[in-house]
Structure formats: structure tokens, C-alpha cells
Amino acid sequence: MLYDEQDILRSMDKIEIGRLKQKLITQFADRNTKIISPKNCQSVEMYFNSEKMEKTIGRVAEKTLEVGETVSGLLVKKAFTYQIMALDDLHVFSQLCTTNISQRITIAYTGAFGVLKHRLKQIFESVESLPDEEFEGRGFGVHERLTVKYELEKHISLHWRSDPITDMVFDSVVALVLNISHEIPKVAVESEEATKTEEENN
């Protein structure tokens, strides 16, 4: 029996498939059924309208939502079901798990540490010194996302947990450090040229 609105008939015998098609069209004339018999290698496009329902579970489901209120969480698909859950509930209601990736990079920096901190304050709203017992006054945090630490032998290290926002902060800090490092030799050369000019004038 035919239950779908679109049905495709295929057979090697064109005459027999044509008879079957006409019989089906006559039998189901009162229904909105489309019956086609494509030729070999002929493309056939079919459109299906299906409703998708997402269920909230865990902490997300604890709150009663009003009509039009936005739901925030992770959308997890399993087979043909969709569930919205909080990040902390992911390991409870699924076999998935999350992890944090901590990254560290060391960059050559010959400038003053205070200059770097001052320049960062001109860009970011929150640049705070870190506890002296851990960093001995040689480190500060940027928006509580990234840590900048002054290392020995004219190097600084950046520490951060990878996520889209913190990675953008990291890119901005690295660009500033490289820009300052590029400016320092230029300033030194200009200072030497100015000194030579004063000596020649004297």
C-alpha cells in the first residue's frame, strides 16, 4: 500500500511500469499522491517536511520558561532525538565529556616590563597585578583570562586556558609584544643619531 505523498517506481520493463503507474494514479486519485517513473540515470528530487523537537533536561529543565524566552545550553543529537542540557550535565546525560586545555608560550621581550603593562592598560579595561607570593611582582592578569609573567633572560611567558574569547585576547597581547619589540631598536637608533648630531653641532 502507498502511504507517502511521493512514490518512485522503477522497473526494466517500461510497458509494465507504465500500466502500474496508471493504475495507481486511478486508484489514488482522491489523494494528493505524486507517482513518477524516472528513466535510467535521471535525477529525482524529493522534499520531506519533518518536525524536530528538542527536550530540555538536567539543570536547564529546572527553570520554568515563559513563551518567547531564550534557552541557553548545549544541543546534543543522539540518533533522531535532540536534547538541550547545561555544560556541567554533559557527562551525566551522555557519554561525552569536556576538558580544559591550558597553554603556555614564551616570547622574547627586551623592553621594560612596566612599559608592557602600561600599553596593555591602554587596550584592555582589566589589567591587574598577580599575588606576589606566586609571581614575586613579575606577573599580571588580563581580564582574568590570560597571565603575563616576566621570565629571566629577557623573555615573557603567556599562560591561558583555550577558548574563543581568551584566544582573541592572546592574539592581541602577542601582537602588542611584537610591536613593542619592533619599536625598541628603532627608538635606540633614533637616540644614537640624535646624540651624534648634538656632538657635531657642539
N, C-alpha and C. Protein backbone atom coordinates (compact mmCIF):
# COMPACT_ATOMS: atom_id res chain seq x y z
N MET A 1 0.85 -1.20 0.00
CA MET A 1 0.00 0.00 0.00
C MET A 1 0.88 1.24 0.00
N LEU A 2 0.35 2.32 -0.56
CA LEU A 2 1.07 3.58 -0.65
C LEU A 2 0.57 4.53 0.43
N TYR A 3 1.52 5.05 1.24
CA TYR A 3 1.15 5.98 2.28
C TYR A 3 1.84 7.34 2.10
N ASP A 4 2.86 7.39 1.28
CA ASP A 4 3.61 8.63 1.10
C ASP A 4 2.98 9.48 0.01
N GLU A 5 3.28 10.79 0.06
CA GLU A 5 2.78 11.70 -0.96
C GLU A 5 3.60 11.60 -2.24
N GLN A 6 4.82 11.06 -2.15
CA GLN A 6 5.68 10.92 -3.32
C GLN A 6 6.18 9.48 -3.38
N ASP A 7 5.98 8.85 -4.53
CA ASP A 7 6.40 7.47 -4.71
C ASP A 7 7.13 7.35 -6.04
N ILE A 8 8.19 6.56 -6.03
CA ILE A 8 9.01 6.36 -7.22
C ILE A 8 8.90 4.90 -7.65
N LEU A 9 8.61 4.70 -8.93
CA LEU A 9 8.50 3.35 -9.47
C LEU A 9 9.68 3.11 -10.42
N ARG A 10 10.35 1.97 -10.27
CA ARG A 10 11.46 1.63 -11.14
C ARG A 10 11.31 0.20 -11.62
N SER A 11 11.51 0.00 -12.90
CA SER A 11 11.43 -1.33 -13.48
C SER A 11 12.16 -1.32 -14.82
N MET A 12 12.60 -2.47 -15.27
CA MET A 12 13.26 -2.56 -16.56
C MET A 12 12.25 -2.55 -17.70
N ASP A 13 11.05 -2.94 -17.42
CA ASP A 13 10.02 -3.01 -18.45
C ASP A 13 9.19 -1.73 -18.43
N LYS A 14 9.30 -0.89 -19.44
CA LYS A 14 8.60 0.38 -19.48
C LYS A 14 7.10 0.18 -19.59
N ILE A 15 6.68 -0.86 -20.33
CA ILE A 15 5.24 -1.08 -20.51
C ILE A 15 4.57 -1.46 -19.20
N GLU A 16 5.20 -2.39 -18.47
CA GLU A 16 4.61 -2.84 -17.21
C GLU A 16 4.60 -1.72 -16.17
N ILE A 17 5.68 -0.96 -16.12
CA ILE A 17 5.74 0.13 -15.13
C ILE A 17 4.75 1.23 -15.49
N GLY A 18 4.52 1.42 -16.78
CA GLY A 18 3.54 2.40 -17.20
C GLY A 18 2.14 2.00 -16.81
N ARG A 19 1.81 0.71 -16.96
CA ARG A 19 0.48 0.21 -16.56
C ARG A 19 0.29 0.36 -15.05
N LEU A 20 1.34 0.01 -14.30
CA LEU A 20 1.23 0.12 -12.84
C LEU A 20 1.03 1.58 -12.41
N LYS A 21 1.74 2.47 -13.06
CA LYS A 21 1.62 3.88 -12.74
C LYS A 21 0.20 4.39 -12.98
N GLN A 22 -0.38 4.06 -14.15
CA GLN A 22 -1.73 4.49 -14.46
C GLN A 22 -2.75 3.90 -13.50
N LYS A 23 -2.54 2.65 -13.12
CA LYS A 23 -3.46 2.01 -12.18
C LYS A 23 -3.41 2.67 -10.81
N LEU A 24 -2.20 3.01 -10.37
CA LEU A 24 -2.06 3.66 -9.07
C LEU A 24 -2.64 5.06 -9.09
N ILE A 25 -2.43 5.79 -10.20
CA ILE A 25 -2.98 7.14 -10.30
C ILE A 25 -4.50 7.09 -10.23
N THR A 26 -5.08 6.10 -10.90
CA THR A 26 -6.54 5.96 -10.88
C THR A 26 -7.04 5.56 -9.50
N GLN A 27 -6.30 4.65 -8.84
CA GLN A 27 -6.73 4.14 -7.55
C GLN A 27 -6.64 5.20 -6.45
N PHE A 28 -5.62 6.05 -6.55
CA PHE A 28 -5.41 7.06 -5.51
C PHE A 28 -5.67 8.47 -6.05
N ALA A 29 -6.65 8.59 -6.91
CA ALA A 29 -6.98 9.89 -7.49
C ALA A 29 -7.51 10.87 -6.46
N ASP A 30 -8.09 10.37 -5.37
CA ASP A 30 -8.64 11.26 -4.35
C ASP A 30 -7.60 11.74 -3.36
N ARG A 31 -6.37 11.28 -3.49
CA ARG A 31 -5.30 11.69 -2.58
C ARG A 31 -4.26 12.50 -3.34
N ASN A 32 -3.54 13.32 -2.58
CA ASN A 32 -2.50 14.16 -3.18
C ASN A 32 -1.19 13.36 -3.26
N THR A 33 -1.22 12.34 -4.09
CA THR A 33 -0.06 11.45 -4.23
C THR A 33 0.58 11.65 -5.59
N LYS A 34 1.88 11.85 -5.59
CA LYS A 34 2.62 12.05 -6.83
C LYS A 34 3.41 10.79 -7.14
N ILE A 35 3.14 10.19 -8.29
CA ILE A 35 3.80 8.96 -8.69
C ILE A 35 4.61 9.24 -9.95
N ILE A 36 5.89 8.94 -9.90
CA ILE A 36 6.77 9.20 -11.04
C ILE A 36 7.54 7.93 -11.38
N SER A 37 7.91 7.80 -12.64
CA SER A 37 8.71 6.66 -13.10
C SER A 37 9.89 7.21 -13.90
N PRO A 38 10.96 7.58 -13.23
CA PRO A 38 12.10 8.20 -13.92
C PRO A 38 12.85 7.22 -14.81
N LYS A 39 13.54 7.77 -15.78
CA LYS A 39 14.36 6.96 -16.66
C LYS A 39 15.69 6.65 -15.99
N ASN A 40 16.45 5.79 -16.58
CA ASN A 40 17.77 5.46 -16.02
C ASN A 40 18.66 6.71 -15.99
N CYS A 41 19.38 6.87 -14.88
CA CYS A 41 20.31 7.99 -14.68
C CYS A 41 19.60 9.35 -14.61
N GLN A 42 18.31 9.36 -14.44
CA GLN A 42 17.58 10.63 -14.30
C GLN A 42 17.53 11.01 -12.82
N SER A 43 17.90 12.28 -12.53
CA SER A 43 17.92 12.76 -11.15
C SER A 43 16.50 12.96 -10.64
N VAL A 44 16.29 12.61 -9.38
CA VAL A 44 14.99 12.76 -8.75
C VAL A 44 15.17 13.51 -7.44
N GLU A 45 14.44 14.59 -7.25
CA GLU A 45 14.50 15.36 -6.01
C GLU A 45 13.20 15.18 -5.24
N MET A 46 13.35 14.88 -3.97
CA MET A 46 12.19 14.70 -3.09
C MET A 46 12.35 15.58 -1.87
N TYR A 47 11.29 16.21 -1.44
CA TYR A 47 11.31 17.12 -0.30
C TYR A 47 10.48 16.53 0.83
N PHE A 48 11.05 16.52 2.01
CA PHE A 48 10.39 15.98 3.18
C PHE A 48 10.30 17.07 4.24
N ASN A 49 9.14 17.22 4.80
CA ASN A 49 8.92 18.16 5.90
C ASN A 49 8.81 17.37 7.20
N SER A 50 9.76 17.58 8.07
CA SER A 50 9.75 16.86 9.35
C SER A 50 9.93 17.84 10.50
N GLU A 51 9.21 17.64 11.55
CA GLU A 51 9.30 18.49 12.73
C GLU A 51 10.37 17.94 13.67
N LYS A 52 11.19 18.84 14.19
CA LYS A 52 12.23 18.47 15.13
C LYS A 52 11.88 19.01 16.51
N MET A 53 11.93 18.15 17.50
CA MET A 53 11.59 18.54 18.86
C MET A 53 12.80 18.36 19.76
N GLU A 54 13.11 19.40 20.49
CA GLU A 54 14.23 19.35 21.43
C GLU A 54 13.68 19.32 22.86
N LYS A 55 14.25 18.47 23.68
CA LYS A 55 13.83 18.36 25.08
C LYS A 55 14.92 18.91 25.99
N THR A 56 14.52 19.69 26.97
CA THR A 56 15.47 20.21 27.96
C THR A 56 15.56 19.22 29.11
N ILE A 57 16.77 18.94 29.55
CA ILE A 57 16.98 18.01 30.65
C ILE A 57 17.99 18.60 31.62
N GLY A 58 18.05 18.03 32.81
CA GLY A 58 19.03 18.47 33.80
C GLY A 58 18.73 19.85 34.35
N ARG A 59 19.76 20.64 34.54
CA ARG A 59 19.63 21.96 35.13
C ARG A 59 18.82 22.91 34.26
N VAL A 60 18.90 22.72 32.95
CA VAL A 60 18.14 23.59 32.06
C VAL A 60 16.64 23.40 32.25
N ALA A 61 16.23 22.16 32.56
CA ALA A 61 14.81 21.86 32.72
C ALA A 61 14.26 22.27 34.09
N GLU A 62 15.13 22.64 35.01
CA GLU A 62 14.66 23.03 36.35
C GLU A 62 13.91 24.35 36.35
N LYS A 63 14.21 25.21 35.40
CA LYS A 63 13.58 26.52 35.32
C LYS A 63 12.37 26.48 34.41
N THR A 64 11.26 27.05 34.89
CA THR A 64 10.06 27.14 34.06
C THR A 64 10.19 28.32 33.12
N LEU A 65 10.10 28.05 31.83
CA LEU A 65 10.31 29.08 30.82
C LEU A 65 8.99 29.70 30.39
N GLU A 66 9.06 30.97 30.07
CA GLU A 66 7.92 31.68 29.53
C GLU A 66 7.96 31.63 28.00
N VAL A 67 6.83 31.91 27.39
CA VAL A 67 6.76 31.90 25.93
C VAL A 67 7.67 32.99 25.36
N GLY A 68 8.53 32.60 24.43
CA GLY A 68 9.46 33.54 23.81
C GLY A 68 10.77 33.70 24.54
N GLU A 69 10.93 33.04 25.69
CA GLU A 69 12.18 33.16 26.46
C GLU A 69 13.27 32.32 25.80
N THR A 70 14.49 32.83 25.83
CA THR A 70 15.62 32.17 25.19
C THR A 70 16.20 31.09 26.11
N VAL A 71 16.53 29.95 25.52
CA VAL A 71 17.14 28.84 26.26
C VAL A 71 18.61 28.77 25.86
N SER A 72 19.48 28.69 26.84
CA SER A 72 20.92 28.61 26.60
C SER A 72 21.45 27.28 27.11
N GLY A 73 22.19 26.58 26.25
CA GLY A 73 22.75 25.31 26.65
C GLY A 73 23.39 24.60 25.47
N LEU A 74 23.72 23.35 25.65
CA LEU A 74 24.30 22.53 24.58
C LEU A 74 23.21 21.70 23.92
N LEU A 75 23.21 21.70 22.59
CA LEU A 75 22.26 20.88 21.84
C LEU A 75 22.97 19.59 21.45
N VAL A 76 22.49 18.47 22.00
CA VAL A 76 23.11 17.17 21.77
C VAL A 76 22.15 16.31 20.96
N LYS A 77 22.64 15.77 19.85
CA LYS A 77 21.84 14.90 19.00
C LYS A 77 22.27 13.45 19.20
N LYS A 78 21.29 12.59 19.46
CA LYS A 78 21.54 11.16 19.60
C LYS A 78 20.49 10.44 18.78
N ALA A 79 20.94 9.75 17.74
CA ALA A 79 20.02 9.10 16.80
C ALA A 79 19.12 10.17 16.19
N PHE A 80 17.81 10.10 16.46
CA PHE A 80 16.89 11.10 15.92
C PHE A 80 16.29 11.97 17.02
N THR A 81 16.91 12.01 18.19
CA THR A 81 16.42 12.83 19.30
C THR A 81 17.39 13.96 19.58
N TYR A 82 16.85 15.08 20.05
CA TYR A 82 17.66 16.25 20.38
C TYR A 82 17.41 16.63 21.84
N GLN A 83 18.49 16.92 22.55
CA GLN A 83 18.37 17.31 23.97
C GLN A 83 19.20 18.56 24.22
N ILE A 84 18.64 19.45 25.03
CA ILE A 84 19.33 20.67 25.43
C ILE A 84 19.70 20.54 26.90
N MET A 85 20.97 20.66 27.19
CA MET A 85 21.45 20.48 28.57
C MET A 85 22.55 21.48 28.88
N ALA A 86 22.82 21.64 30.16
CA ALA A 86 23.90 22.53 30.60
C ALA A 86 25.24 21.84 30.36
N LEU A 87 26.28 22.65 30.27
CA LEU A 87 27.61 22.10 30.03
C LEU A 87 28.02 21.14 31.13
N ASP A 88 27.69 21.48 32.39
CA ASP A 88 28.06 20.63 33.52
C ASP A 88 27.31 19.31 33.54
N ASP A 89 26.20 19.22 32.81
CA ASP A 89 25.41 17.98 32.79
C ASP A 89 25.77 17.08 31.61
N LEU A 90 26.72 17.49 30.81
CA LEU A 90 27.03 16.74 29.60
C LEU A 90 27.49 15.32 29.92
N HIS A 91 28.34 15.17 30.93
CA HIS A 91 28.85 13.84 31.27
C HIS A 91 27.82 12.99 32.00
N VAL A 92 26.75 13.63 32.51
CA VAL A 92 25.72 12.89 33.24
C VAL A 92 24.72 12.26 32.27
N PHE A 93 24.29 13.01 31.27
CA PHE A 93 23.24 12.54 30.36
C PHE A 93 23.77 12.04 29.02
N SER A 94 25.07 12.00 28.86
CA SER A 94 25.64 11.47 27.61
C SER A 94 26.99 10.83 27.92
N GLN A 95 27.56 10.23 26.93
CA GLN A 95 28.88 9.60 27.07
C GLN A 95 30.00 10.56 26.70
N LEU A 96 29.63 11.81 26.46
CA LEU A 96 30.63 12.82 26.11
C LEU A 96 31.20 13.44 27.37
N CYS A 97 32.34 14.07 27.25
CA CYS A 97 32.96 14.76 28.38
C CYS A 97 33.69 15.99 27.86
N THR A 98 33.97 16.92 28.74
CA THR A 98 34.67 18.15 28.37
C THR A 98 36.02 18.20 29.08
N THR A 99 36.90 19.01 28.55
CA THR A 99 38.22 19.18 29.15
C THR A 99 38.72 20.58 28.90
N ASN A 100 39.58 21.06 29.75
CA ASN A 100 40.19 22.38 29.59
C ASN A 100 41.63 22.21 29.09
N ILE A 101 42.00 23.01 28.11
CA ILE A 101 43.35 22.96 27.55
C ILE A 101 44.11 24.18 28.03
N SER A 102 45.12 23.96 28.85
CA SER A 102 45.96 25.05 29.35
C SER A 102 47.17 25.19 28.43
N GLN A 103 47.44 26.41 27.99
CA GLN A 103 48.53 26.64 27.05
C GLN A 103 49.54 27.63 27.63
N ARG A 104 50.76 27.50 27.17
CA ARG A 104 51.84 28.38 27.62
C ARG A 104 52.79 28.63 26.45
N ILE A 105 53.18 29.87 26.30
CA ILE A 105 54.11 30.23 25.23
C ILE A 105 55.11 31.24 25.79
N THR A 106 56.36 31.12 25.36
CA THR A 106 57.42 32.04 25.79
C THR A 106 57.85 32.89 24.59
N ILE A 107 57.92 34.21 24.81
CA ILE A 107 58.23 35.15 23.74
C ILE A 107 59.42 36.00 24.17
N ALA A 108 60.33 36.25 23.25
CA ALA A 108 61.47 37.14 23.54
C ALA A 108 60.97 38.57 23.69
N TYR A 109 61.39 39.23 24.78
CA TYR A 109 60.97 40.61 25.02
C TYR A 109 62.10 41.33 25.76
N THR A 110 62.65 42.35 25.12
CA THR A 110 63.79 43.06 25.69
C THR A 110 63.41 44.39 26.34
N GLY A 111 62.14 44.74 26.28
CA GLY A 111 61.71 46.02 26.84
C GLY A 111 61.43 45.93 28.33
N ALA A 112 61.04 47.05 28.89
CA ALA A 112 60.72 47.10 30.31
C ALA A 112 59.35 46.46 30.55
N PHE A 113 59.26 45.72 31.66
CA PHE A 113 58.01 45.04 31.98
C PHE A 113 56.90 46.03 32.28
N GLY A 114 57.26 47.15 32.89
CA GLY A 114 56.27 48.18 33.21
C GLY A 114 55.69 48.84 31.96
N VAL A 115 56.52 48.96 30.92
CA VAL A 115 56.04 49.54 29.66
C VAL A 115 54.97 48.63 29.04
N LEU A 116 55.21 47.33 29.07
CA LEU A 116 54.24 46.38 28.52
C LEU A 116 52.92 46.46 29.28
N LYS A 117 53.01 46.53 30.60
CA LYS A 117 51.78 46.61 31.41
C LYS A 117 51.03 47.91 31.11
N HIS A 118 51.76 49.00 30.97
CA HIS A 118 51.14 50.28 30.67
C HIS A 118 50.43 50.26 29.31
N ARG A 119 51.09 49.68 28.33
CA ARG A 119 50.49 49.60 26.99
C ARG A 119 49.25 48.71 26.98
N LEU A 120 49.29 47.64 27.74
CA LEU A 120 48.13 46.76 27.80
C LEU A 120 46.95 47.45 28.48
N LYS A 121 47.22 48.29 29.48
CA LYS A 121 46.14 49.03 30.15
C LYS A 121 45.46 50.01 29.20
N GLN A 122 46.18 50.45 28.18
CA GLN A 122 45.58 51.35 27.20
C GLN A 122 44.62 50.62 26.26
N ILE A 123 44.72 49.30 26.21
CA ILE A 123 43.88 48.50 25.32
C ILE A 123 42.78 47.77 26.09
N PHE A 124 43.15 47.16 27.22
CA PHE A 124 42.20 46.36 27.98
C PHE A 124 41.77 47.09 29.25
N GLU A 125 40.51 46.88 29.65
CA GLU A 125 39.98 47.54 30.84
C GLU A 125 40.54 46.96 32.12
N SER A 126 40.79 45.66 32.12
CA SER A 126 41.24 44.99 33.35
C SER A 126 42.63 44.39 33.16
N VAL A 127 43.63 45.04 33.76
CA VAL A 127 45.00 44.52 33.81
C VAL A 127 45.45 44.65 35.25
N GLU A 128 45.46 43.53 35.98
CA GLU A 128 45.71 43.55 37.41
C GLU A 128 46.97 42.75 37.76
N SER A 129 47.71 43.27 38.77
CA SER A 129 48.90 42.56 39.25
C SER A 129 48.48 41.29 39.96
N LEU A 130 49.30 40.26 39.87
CA LEU A 130 49.00 38.97 40.49
C LEU A 130 49.71 38.87 41.84
N PRO A 131 49.29 37.94 42.71
CA PRO A 131 49.87 37.82 44.05
C PRO A 131 51.39 37.70 44.04
N ASP A 132 52.03 38.46 44.92
CA ASP A 132 53.49 38.48 44.97
C ASP A 132 54.08 37.15 45.41
N GLU A 133 53.35 36.41 46.27
CA GLU A 133 53.90 35.15 46.79
C GLU A 133 54.07 34.11 45.67
N GLU A 134 53.33 34.25 44.60
CA GLU A 134 53.44 33.31 43.49
C GLU A 134 54.28 33.86 42.35
N PHE A 135 54.13 35.15 42.05
CA PHE A 135 54.82 35.72 40.89
C PHE A 135 55.90 36.72 41.27
N GLU A 136 56.02 37.04 42.57
CA GLU A 136 57.07 37.94 43.06
C GLU A 136 57.05 39.29 42.34
N GLY A 137 55.84 39.77 42.07
CA GLY A 137 55.69 41.07 41.43
C GLY A 137 56.08 41.10 39.97
N ARG A 138 56.23 39.94 39.38
CA ARG A 138 56.68 39.87 37.99
C ARG A 138 55.60 39.30 37.06
N GLY A 139 54.33 39.47 37.44
CA GLY A 139 53.26 38.95 36.61
C GLY A 139 51.97 39.73 36.80
N PHE A 140 51.12 39.71 35.80
CA PHE A 140 49.80 40.35 35.90
C PHE A 140 48.82 39.61 35.00
N GLY A 141 47.54 39.78 35.30
CA GLY A 141 46.49 39.11 34.55
C GLY A 141 45.72 40.08 33.68
N VAL A 142 45.25 39.60 32.57
CA VAL A 142 44.46 40.40 31.64
C VAL A 142 43.05 39.83 31.61
N HIS A 143 42.10 40.60 32.17
CA HIS A 143 40.69 40.20 32.21
C HIS A 143 40.48 38.83 32.85
N GLU A 144 41.35 38.46 33.77
CA GLU A 144 41.26 37.18 34.46
C GLU A 144 41.21 36.00 33.50
N ARG A 145 41.73 36.20 32.32
CA ARG A 145 41.74 35.14 31.31
C ARG A 145 43.15 34.72 30.91
N LEU A 146 44.07 35.67 30.95
CA LEU A 146 45.42 35.40 30.49
C LEU A 146 46.42 35.98 31.48
N THR A 147 47.49 35.23 31.74
CA THR A 147 48.53 35.65 32.67
C THR A 147 49.81 35.95 31.91
N VAL A 148 50.39 37.10 32.20
CA VAL A 148 51.66 37.51 31.61
C VAL A 148 52.71 37.49 32.71
N LYS A 149 53.78 36.73 32.51
CA LYS A 149 54.83 36.60 33.52
C LYS A 149 56.18 36.95 32.92
N TYR A 150 56.95 37.77 33.65
CA TYR A 150 58.28 38.17 33.20
C TYR A 150 59.28 37.09 33.59
N GLU A 151 59.90 36.47 32.57
CA GLU A 151 60.87 35.42 32.82
C GLU A 151 62.29 36.01 32.80
N LEU A 152 63.25 35.19 33.17
CA LEU A 152 64.64 35.61 33.13
C LEU A 152 65.15 35.63 31.70
N GLU A 153 66.28 36.25 31.51
CA GLU A 153 66.96 36.31 30.21
C GLU A 153 66.08 36.94 29.14
N LYS A 154 65.39 38.03 29.50
CA LYS A 154 64.65 38.85 28.55
C LYS A 154 63.58 38.07 27.78
N HIS A 155 62.76 37.37 28.52
CA HIS A 155 61.64 36.64 27.94
C HIS A 155 60.41 36.83 28.82
N ILE A 156 59.25 36.75 28.21
CA ILE A 156 58.00 36.73 28.95
C ILE A 156 57.24 35.48 28.54
N SER A 157 56.40 35.00 29.45
CA SER A 157 55.59 33.82 29.15
C SER A 157 54.11 34.18 29.32
N LEU A 158 53.29 33.64 28.46
CA LEU A 158 51.85 33.85 28.50
C LEU A 158 51.18 32.53 28.84
N HIS A 159 50.25 32.57 29.78
CA HIS A 159 49.53 31.38 30.22
C HIS A 159 48.03 31.63 30.07
N TRP A 160 47.31 30.69 29.48
CA TRP A 160 45.87 30.86 29.32
C TRP A 160 45.20 29.52 29.04
N ARG A 161 43.90 29.49 29.34
CA ARG A 161 43.06 28.33 29.02
C ARG A 161 42.34 28.62 27.72
N SER A 162 42.47 27.71 26.79
CA SER A 162 41.99 27.97 25.44
C SER A 162 40.47 28.00 25.37
N ASP A 163 39.94 29.08 24.82
CA ASP A 163 38.54 29.21 24.43
C ASP A 163 38.48 30.35 23.42
N PRO A 164 37.40 30.49 22.67
CA PRO A 164 37.38 31.50 21.60
C PRO A 164 37.72 32.92 22.05
N ILE A 165 37.19 33.36 23.19
CA ILE A 165 37.41 34.73 23.65
C ILE A 165 38.85 34.91 24.14
N THR A 166 39.32 33.98 24.97
CA THR A 166 40.68 34.09 25.51
C THR A 166 41.72 33.99 24.40
N ASP A 167 41.44 33.19 23.39
CA ASP A 167 42.39 33.10 22.26
C ASP A 167 42.50 34.44 21.53
N MET A 168 41.40 35.19 21.45
CA MET A 168 41.47 36.52 20.83
C MET A 168 42.28 37.49 21.69
N VAL A 169 42.10 37.39 23.02
CA VAL A 169 42.90 38.22 23.92
C VAL A 169 44.37 37.88 23.77
N PHE A 170 44.69 36.60 23.68
CA PHE A 170 46.07 36.16 23.49
C PHE A 170 46.67 36.74 22.21
N ASP A 171 45.91 36.68 21.12
CA ASP A 171 46.41 37.21 19.85
C ASP A 171 46.72 38.70 19.95
N SER A 172 45.87 39.44 20.67
CA SER A 172 46.08 40.88 20.82
C SER A 172 47.33 41.17 21.65
N VAL A 173 47.52 40.40 22.73
CA VAL A 173 48.69 40.60 23.59
C VAL A 173 49.98 40.28 22.83
N VAL A 174 49.99 39.18 22.08
CA VAL A 174 51.18 38.81 21.30
C VAL A 174 51.49 39.88 20.26
N ALA A 175 50.46 40.38 19.60
CA ALA A 175 50.68 41.43 18.60
C ALA A 175 51.29 42.67 19.24
N LEU A 176 50.84 43.03 20.44
CA LEU A 176 51.38 44.20 21.13
C LEU A 176 52.83 43.97 21.55
N VAL A 177 53.13 42.78 22.06
CA VAL A 177 54.50 42.47 22.47
C VAL A 177 55.46 42.55 21.29
N LEU A 178 55.06 41.97 20.18
CA LEU A 178 55.91 42.01 18.98
C LEU A 178 56.06 43.43 18.46
N ASN A 179 55.00 44.23 18.59
CA ASN A 179 55.07 45.62 18.14
C ASN A 179 56.03 46.43 19.01
N ILE A 180 55.98 46.23 20.32
CA ILE A 180 56.89 46.93 21.23
C ILE A 180 58.33 46.51 20.96
N SER A 181 58.55 45.20 20.76
CA SER A 181 59.89 44.71 20.49
C SER A 181 60.44 45.28 19.20
N HIS A 182 59.55 45.54 18.25
CA HIS A 182 59.97 46.12 16.97
C HIS A 182 60.30 47.61 17.12
N GLU A 183 59.61 48.28 18.06
CA GLU A 183 59.82 49.71 18.25
C GLU A 183 61.10 50.01 19.01
N ILE A 184 61.53 49.12 19.90
CA ILE A 184 62.69 49.38 20.76
C ILE A 184 63.97 49.63 19.96
N PRO A 185 64.33 48.79 18.99
CA PRO A 185 65.55 49.10 18.20
C PRO A 185 65.44 50.41 17.45
N LYS A 186 64.25 50.73 16.96
CA LYS A 186 64.04 51.97 16.23
C LYS A 186 64.28 53.18 17.13
N VAL A 187 63.79 53.10 18.36
CA VAL A 187 64.00 54.20 19.30
C VAL A 187 65.47 54.34 19.64
N ALA A 188 66.16 53.17 19.79
CA ALA A 188 67.57 53.21 20.13
C ALA A 188 68.39 53.85 19.00
N VAL A 189 68.08 53.52 17.76
CA VAL A 189 68.79 54.09 16.62
C VAL A 189 68.56 55.59 16.53
N GLU A 190 67.30 56.01 16.72
CA GLU A 190 66.99 57.44 16.67
C GLU A 190 67.73 58.20 17.77
N SER A 191 67.85 57.56 18.95
CA SER A 191 68.55 58.21 20.06
C SER A 191 70.03 58.36 19.74
N GLU A 192 70.65 57.35 19.12
CA GLU A 192 72.07 57.42 18.76
C GLU A 192 72.31 58.50 17.70
N GLU A 193 71.39 58.59 16.73
CA GLU A 193 71.54 59.61 15.69
C GLU A 193 71.41 61.01 16.28
N ALA A 194 70.48 61.16 17.23
CA ALA A 194 70.30 62.47 17.86
C ALA A 194 71.54 62.86 18.65
N THR A 195 72.18 61.86 19.32
CA THR A 195 73.38 62.14 20.11
C THR A 195 74.53 62.56 19.20
N LYS A 196 74.68 61.86 18.07
CA LYS A 196 75.74 62.22 17.14
C LYS A 196 75.54 63.64 16.58
N THR A 197 74.29 63.97 16.30
CA THR A 197 74.00 65.30 15.75
C THR A 197 74.35 66.40 16.75
N GLU A 198 74.05 66.16 18.04
CA GLU A 198 74.37 67.16 19.08
C GLU A 198 75.86 67.30 19.21
N GLU A 199 76.60 66.16 19.14
CA GLU A 199 78.05 66.23 19.27
C GLU A 199 78.67 67.00 18.11
N GLU A 200 78.14 66.80 16.87
CA GLU A 200 78.66 67.50 15.72
C GLU A 200 78.36 69.00 15.80
N ASN A 201 77.19 69.34 16.31
CA ASN A 201 76.84 70.77 16.44
C ASN A 201 77.70 71.47 17.48
N ASN A 202 78.11 70.70 18.52
CA ASN A 202 78.93 71.30 19.56
C ASN A 202 80.37 71.44 19.06
